[in-house]
Amino acid sequence: MLRNKGRWIASMALLVFVAASCANEKDRDQAAVEKAIAEEVNKRLAEFQKVRMDMCREETYKEAGRRADSILIARARLEKDSFQKPPKPIKPEKPAIKLLDDTLSLKPII
């Protein structure tokens, strides 16, 4: 990426030199042209450095977040309670059903 940006800046500088060489003799002021080129190159270089620093900073924040998350997950796994749940209690046996003696006699309803 840095190479392509350098080539681009060099091609822009070459373009300005060519444009300056095509002008009239009185319009050519070599010092002014070089100064304008240097200013443009410095401006674009500063912009490129700013963009690159922002990208690096963002990548660094992402990596730091990933590492912090992995550390927290590892700690949580180590501190996890190692005891298992107690087993379910055994159900008691069903009591025997007591049968009552049927001492009443059946009478018709009507």
N, C-alpha and C. Protein backbone atom coordinates (compact mmCIF):
# COMPACT_ATOMS: atom_id res chain seq x y z
N MET A 1 0.82 -1.18 0.00
CA MET A 1 0.00 0.00 0.00
C MET A 1 0.87 1.25 0.00
N LEU A 2 1.94 1.20 0.77
CA LEU A 2 2.84 2.35 0.86
C LEU A 2 3.52 2.59 -0.47
N ARG A 3 3.86 1.53 -1.19
CA ARG A 3 4.51 1.66 -2.49
C ARG A 3 3.60 2.36 -3.49
N ASN A 4 2.36 1.93 -3.52
CA ASN A 4 1.41 2.52 -4.47
C ASN A 4 1.21 4.01 -4.18
N LYS A 5 1.15 4.37 -2.92
CA LYS A 5 0.98 5.78 -2.56
C LYS A 5 2.20 6.58 -3.00
N GLY A 6 3.38 6.01 -2.83
CA GLY A 6 4.61 6.70 -3.26
C GLY A 6 4.65 6.87 -4.77
N ARG A 7 4.22 5.86 -5.48
CA ARG A 7 4.18 5.97 -6.95
C ARG A 7 3.19 7.04 -7.37
N TRP A 8 2.07 7.08 -6.68
CA TRP A 8 1.04 8.06 -7.01
C TRP A 8 1.56 9.48 -6.79
N ILE A 9 2.22 9.68 -5.66
CA ILE A 9 2.79 11.01 -5.37
C ILE A 9 3.85 11.38 -6.40
N ALA A 10 4.68 10.41 -6.77
CA ALA A 10 5.72 10.68 -7.77
C ALA A 10 5.09 11.02 -9.12
N SER A 11 4.03 10.32 -9.49
CA SER A 11 3.38 10.61 -10.77
C SER A 11 2.73 11.99 -10.75
N MET A 12 2.16 12.38 -9.62
CA MET A 12 1.57 13.72 -9.50
C MET A 12 2.66 14.79 -9.62
N ALA A 13 3.82 14.56 -9.03
CA ALA A 13 4.92 15.51 -9.11
C ALA A 13 5.42 15.61 -10.55
N LEU A 14 5.49 14.48 -11.22
CA LEU A 14 5.91 14.48 -12.62
C LEU A 14 4.91 15.24 -13.48
N LEU A 15 3.65 15.07 -13.20
CA LEU A 15 2.60 15.78 -13.94
C LEU A 15 2.73 17.29 -13.76
N VAL A 16 3.01 17.72 -12.57
CA VAL A 16 3.18 19.16 -12.31
C VAL A 16 4.42 19.68 -13.04
N PHE A 17 5.50 18.90 -13.04
CA PHE A 17 6.72 19.31 -13.77
C PHE A 17 6.44 19.43 -15.27
N VAL A 18 5.73 18.48 -15.81
CA VAL A 18 5.41 18.52 -17.24
C VAL A 18 4.53 19.72 -17.56
N ALA A 19 3.54 19.97 -16.72
CA ALA A 19 2.67 21.12 -16.94
C ALA A 19 3.46 22.43 -16.84
N ALA A 20 4.40 22.48 -15.93
CA ALA A 20 5.21 23.69 -15.78
C ALA A 20 6.15 23.87 -16.97
N SER A 21 6.62 22.77 -17.54
CA SER A 21 7.55 22.89 -18.67
C SER A 21 6.84 23.31 -19.95
N CYS A 22 5.54 23.08 -20.04
CA CYS A 22 4.77 23.46 -21.23
C CYS A 22 4.36 24.93 -21.20
N ALA A 23 4.52 25.61 -20.13
CA ALA A 23 4.09 27.01 -20.00
C ALA A 23 5.09 27.93 -20.70
N ASN A 24 4.73 29.19 -20.81
CA ASN A 24 5.61 30.20 -21.41
C ASN A 24 6.84 30.42 -20.54
N GLU A 25 7.85 31.03 -21.13
CA GLU A 25 9.08 31.32 -20.41
C GLU A 25 8.83 32.21 -19.20
N LYS A 26 7.99 33.23 -19.38
CA LYS A 26 7.77 34.17 -18.27
C LYS A 26 6.93 33.54 -17.15
N ASP A 27 6.11 32.52 -17.50
CA ASP A 27 5.28 31.86 -16.47
C ASP A 27 6.06 30.85 -15.65
N ARG A 28 7.17 30.43 -16.19
CA ARG A 28 7.96 29.43 -15.47
C ARG A 28 8.81 30.08 -14.39
N ASP A 29 8.49 29.78 -13.24
CA ASP A 29 9.32 30.22 -12.11
C ASP A 29 9.67 28.94 -11.37
N GLN A 30 10.83 28.44 -11.62
CA GLN A 30 11.22 27.11 -11.12
C GLN A 30 11.10 27.01 -9.60
N ALA A 31 11.47 28.04 -8.90
CA ALA A 31 11.41 27.99 -7.43
C ALA A 31 9.97 27.90 -6.96
N ALA A 32 9.07 28.66 -7.60
CA ALA A 32 7.66 28.64 -7.20
C ALA A 32 7.04 27.28 -7.50
N VAL A 33 7.40 26.71 -8.64
CA VAL A 33 6.87 25.40 -9.01
C VAL A 33 7.34 24.34 -8.02
N GLU A 34 8.61 24.35 -7.72
CA GLU A 34 9.15 23.36 -6.78
C GLU A 34 8.54 23.52 -5.39
N LYS A 35 8.31 24.75 -5.00
CA LYS A 35 7.69 25.01 -3.70
C LYS A 35 6.26 24.47 -3.69
N ALA A 36 5.51 24.70 -4.76
CA ALA A 36 4.13 24.20 -4.84
C ALA A 36 4.11 22.68 -4.82
N ILE A 37 5.04 22.08 -5.55
CA ILE A 37 5.11 20.61 -5.57
C ILE A 37 5.46 20.08 -4.19
N ALA A 38 6.43 20.69 -3.54
CA ALA A 38 6.84 20.24 -2.21
C ALA A 38 5.68 20.37 -1.22
N GLU A 39 4.92 21.45 -1.31
CA GLU A 39 3.77 21.64 -0.41
C GLU A 39 2.72 20.57 -0.66
N GLU A 40 2.44 20.28 -1.91
CA GLU A 40 1.42 19.28 -2.25
C GLU A 40 1.87 17.89 -1.80
N VAL A 41 3.15 17.59 -2.04
CA VAL A 41 3.68 16.29 -1.62
C VAL A 41 3.62 16.17 -0.11
N ASN A 42 4.02 17.20 0.60
CA ASN A 42 3.99 17.16 2.07
C ASN A 42 2.56 17.02 2.58
N LYS A 43 1.63 17.72 1.95
CA LYS A 43 0.23 17.65 2.37
C LYS A 43 -0.31 16.23 2.19
N ARG A 44 -0.05 15.66 1.03
CA ARG A 44 -0.55 14.31 0.75
C ARG A 44 0.16 13.26 1.60
N LEU A 45 1.42 13.46 1.85
CA LEU A 45 2.16 12.53 2.70
C LEU A 45 1.63 12.57 4.13
N ALA A 46 1.33 13.77 4.62
CA ALA A 46 0.76 13.89 5.97
C ALA A 46 -0.62 13.23 6.03
N GLU A 47 -1.40 13.39 4.99
CA GLU A 47 -2.72 12.76 4.94
C GLU A 47 -2.58 11.24 4.94
N PHE A 48 -1.65 10.73 4.15
CA PHE A 48 -1.41 9.29 4.10
C PHE A 48 -0.97 8.76 5.46
N GLN A 49 -0.05 9.47 6.11
CA GLN A 49 0.42 9.04 7.42
C GLN A 49 -0.71 9.03 8.44
N LYS A 50 -1.58 10.02 8.37
CA LYS A 50 -2.72 10.07 9.30
C LYS A 50 -3.64 8.87 9.08
N VAL A 51 -3.96 8.59 7.82
CA VAL A 51 -4.83 7.45 7.51
C VAL A 51 -4.18 6.15 7.97
N ARG A 52 -2.90 6.00 7.71
CA ARG A 52 -2.18 4.79 8.11
C ARG A 52 -2.15 4.63 9.63
N MET A 53 -1.91 5.71 10.33
CA MET A 53 -1.91 5.66 11.80
C MET A 53 -3.29 5.29 12.34
N ASP A 54 -4.33 5.83 11.74
CA ASP A 54 -5.69 5.49 12.17
C ASP A 54 -5.98 4.00 11.95
N MET A 55 -5.54 3.48 10.81
CA MET A 55 -5.74 2.05 10.54
C MET A 55 -4.96 1.19 11.54
N CYS A 56 -3.73 1.57 11.80
CA CYS A 56 -2.91 0.80 12.76
C CYS A 56 -3.51 0.86 14.16
N ARG A 57 -3.99 2.04 14.54
CA ARG A 57 -4.60 2.20 15.87
C ARG A 57 -5.85 1.32 15.98
N GLU A 58 -6.67 1.29 14.94
CA GLU A 58 -7.89 0.47 14.95
C GLU A 58 -7.55 -1.01 15.04
N GLU A 59 -6.55 -1.45 14.29
CA GLU A 59 -6.12 -2.86 14.36
C GLU A 59 -5.59 -3.19 15.74
N THR A 60 -4.86 -2.26 16.34
CA THR A 60 -4.32 -2.49 17.68
C THR A 60 -5.44 -2.61 18.70
N TYR A 61 -6.45 -1.75 18.61
CA TYR A 61 -7.59 -1.83 19.53
C TYR A 61 -8.33 -3.15 19.38
N LYS A 62 -8.51 -3.61 18.16
CA LYS A 62 -9.20 -4.89 17.94
C LYS A 62 -8.41 -6.04 18.54
N GLU A 63 -7.10 -6.04 18.31
CA GLU A 63 -6.26 -7.11 18.86
C GLU A 63 -6.25 -7.08 20.38
N ALA A 64 -6.18 -5.89 20.96
CA ALA A 64 -6.19 -5.77 22.42
C ALA A 64 -7.53 -6.27 22.98
N GLY A 65 -8.62 -5.95 22.32
CA GLY A 65 -9.93 -6.43 22.76
C GLY A 65 -10.03 -7.94 22.68
N ARG A 66 -9.51 -8.51 21.61
CA ARG A 66 -9.53 -9.96 21.45
C ARG A 66 -8.73 -10.65 22.55
N ARG A 67 -7.55 -10.09 22.83
CA ARG A 67 -6.70 -10.69 23.88
C ARG A 67 -7.35 -10.54 25.25
N ALA A 68 -7.94 -9.40 25.54
CA ALA A 68 -8.60 -9.21 26.83
C ALA A 68 -9.77 -10.18 26.98
N ASP A 69 -10.53 -10.37 25.92
CA ASP A 69 -11.65 -11.31 25.98
C ASP A 69 -11.16 -12.72 26.24
N SER A 70 -10.08 -13.13 25.57
CA SER A 70 -9.59 -14.49 25.77
C SER A 70 -9.06 -14.68 27.19
N ILE A 71 -8.44 -13.64 27.75
CA ILE A 71 -7.96 -13.74 29.14
C ILE A 71 -9.13 -13.88 30.10
N LEU A 72 -10.18 -13.09 29.89
CA LEU A 72 -11.35 -13.17 30.77
C LEU A 72 -12.03 -14.53 30.66
N ILE A 73 -12.11 -15.07 29.47
CA ILE A 73 -12.74 -16.38 29.29
C ILE A 73 -11.91 -17.46 29.98
N ALA A 74 -10.58 -17.38 29.86
CA ALA A 74 -9.71 -18.37 30.50
C ALA A 74 -9.85 -18.31 32.03
N ARG A 75 -9.91 -17.10 32.57
CA ARG A 75 -10.08 -16.96 34.03
C ARG A 75 -11.42 -17.51 34.48
N ALA A 76 -12.45 -17.24 33.72
CA ALA A 76 -13.78 -17.73 34.10
C ALA A 76 -13.81 -19.26 34.09
N ARG A 77 -13.14 -19.86 33.13
CA ARG A 77 -13.10 -21.32 33.09
C ARG A 77 -12.33 -21.90 34.28
N LEU A 78 -11.27 -21.22 34.69
CA LEU A 78 -10.50 -21.71 35.84
C LEU A 78 -11.28 -21.55 37.15
N GLU A 79 -12.03 -20.48 37.26
CA GLU A 79 -12.77 -20.23 38.49
C GLU A 79 -14.13 -20.91 38.53
N LYS A 80 -14.47 -21.62 37.48
CA LYS A 80 -15.76 -22.29 37.41
C LYS A 80 -15.86 -23.31 38.53
N ASP A 81 -17.03 -23.39 39.12
CA ASP A 81 -17.26 -24.31 40.23
C ASP A 81 -17.10 -25.74 39.72
N SER A 82 -16.22 -26.50 40.37
CA SER A 82 -15.93 -27.84 39.89
C SER A 82 -16.87 -28.89 40.51
N PHE A 83 -17.69 -28.49 41.47
CA PHE A 83 -18.61 -29.44 42.09
C PHE A 83 -19.77 -29.72 41.15
N GLN A 84 -20.20 -30.97 41.18
CA GLN A 84 -21.34 -31.34 40.35
C GLN A 84 -22.61 -31.20 41.15
N LYS A 85 -23.71 -31.21 40.46
CA LYS A 85 -24.99 -31.14 41.14
C LYS A 85 -25.19 -32.42 41.96
N PRO A 86 -25.84 -32.29 43.09
CA PRO A 86 -26.11 -33.51 43.85
C PRO A 86 -27.12 -34.37 43.09
N PRO A 87 -27.06 -35.68 43.30
CA PRO A 87 -28.01 -36.54 42.58
C PRO A 87 -29.44 -36.32 43.09
N LYS A 88 -30.40 -36.68 42.25
CA LYS A 88 -31.80 -36.55 42.65
C LYS A 88 -32.08 -37.54 43.79
N PRO A 89 -32.90 -37.13 44.73
CA PRO A 89 -33.21 -38.06 45.82
C PRO A 89 -34.07 -39.23 45.31
N ILE A 90 -33.95 -40.34 46.02
CA ILE A 90 -34.70 -41.54 45.64
C ILE A 90 -36.14 -41.37 46.10
N LYS A 91 -37.06 -41.72 45.23
CA LYS A 91 -38.47 -41.61 45.58
C LYS A 91 -38.81 -42.67 46.62
N PRO A 92 -39.62 -42.30 47.59
CA PRO A 92 -40.03 -43.32 48.58
C PRO A 92 -41.01 -44.30 47.94
N GLU A 93 -41.12 -45.47 48.57
CA GLU A 93 -42.05 -46.48 48.06
C GLU A 93 -43.48 -46.02 48.32
N LYS A 94 -44.37 -46.49 47.45
CA LYS A 94 -45.78 -46.13 47.62
C LYS A 94 -46.33 -46.91 48.81
N PRO A 95 -47.10 -46.22 49.62
CA PRO A 95 -47.69 -46.94 50.77
C PRO A 95 -48.78 -47.92 50.29
N ALA A 96 -48.97 -48.92 51.07
CA ALA A 96 -50.00 -49.90 50.73
C ALA A 96 -51.37 -49.28 50.97
N ILE A 97 -52.30 -49.55 50.06
CA ILE A 97 -53.65 -48.99 50.17
C ILE A 97 -54.44 -49.86 51.15
N LYS A 98 -55.03 -49.20 52.12
CA LYS A 98 -55.85 -49.93 53.10
C LYS A 98 -57.25 -50.08 52.54
N LEU A 99 -57.72 -51.28 52.51
CA LEU A 99 -59.08 -51.54 52.04
C LEU A 99 -60.01 -51.54 53.24
N LEU A 100 -61.08 -50.80 53.12
CA LEU A 100 -62.07 -50.74 54.20
C LEU A 100 -63.12 -51.83 54.01
N ASP A 101 -63.62 -52.29 55.07
CA ASP A 101 -64.70 -53.29 54.99
C ASP A 101 -65.99 -52.59 54.60
N ASP A 102 -66.68 -53.12 53.61
CA ASP A 102 -67.94 -52.53 53.16
C ASP A 102 -69.06 -53.14 53.96
N THR A 103 -69.47 -52.47 54.98
CA THR A 103 -70.50 -53.00 55.88
C THR A 103 -71.87 -52.46 55.57
N LEU A 104 -71.99 -51.51 54.74
CA LEU A 104 -73.29 -50.95 54.40
C LEU A 104 -73.92 -51.77 53.28
N SER A 105 -75.18 -51.93 53.36
CA SER A 105 -75.87 -52.65 52.29
C SER A 105 -76.40 -51.63 51.28
N LEU A 106 -76.58 -52.06 50.07
CA LEU A 106 -77.05 -51.19 49.02
C LEU A 106 -78.55 -51.14 49.04
N LYS A 107 -79.10 -49.93 48.94
CA LYS A 107 -80.54 -49.75 48.88
C LYS A 107 -80.90 -49.07 47.57
N PRO A 108 -82.05 -49.41 46.97
CA PRO A 108 -82.43 -48.73 45.75
C PRO A 108 -82.75 -47.24 46.02
N ILE A 109 -82.52 -46.40 45.03
CA ILE A 109 -82.76 -44.96 45.19
C ILE A 109 -84.23 -44.66 45.16
N ILE A 110 -84.99 -45.34 44.35
CA ILE A 110 -86.42 -45.04 44.25
C ILE A 110 -87.22 -46.02 45.06
